[in-house]
Amino acid sequence: MAMVVRQDGSPQRIAVAEQPPVCVEPLARAMSRSSGVATYTLRGYIARMRKDIKASCAKRLNRIEGQVRGIARMVDEDRYCIDIVTQVAAVRAALRRVEEEILRDHVAHCVEHAIASGNKADQRRKIEELMNVVGRAER
């Protein structure tokens, strides 16, 4: 069993397949050679993101952009190394929060939709996709 968060914010328990996820669609395996980004991502995905989540992420990313510019200034001004490293850690933490917010929204609508559809191939693909992204995030 796994816990997902619905689009309305309420939690829901779901059954997860016992078998390791297997992707049967050739498009799901297709990856862009240059960027490593899946080529099967639907166009306009971000348009499906809830408006409040999208606004929150945009606000956070603008703040992070300002933090990064501030770090560049600190380097140019030869500021104390530990102060710079502290600011870099703060930016990484802020990016992790944005990533978490986007993943929660993804689970709430894309993964939940795949589970509700009853399509086993789609379910496995979405779960495999989610596990891959979580695995990359932990590196």
Foldseek 3Di string as FASTA:
>chain_A
DDWAAAPVGHIDDDDDDPDQQDADDPQLVDADPPPRHRPPPDPPPVVPFDPVLNVVLVVLVVVLVVLVVVLVVCVVVVHDPVVSVVSVVVSVVSVVVNVVSVVNRCRNPQQVVQRVVPPSNSNSSVVVVSVVVVVVVVD
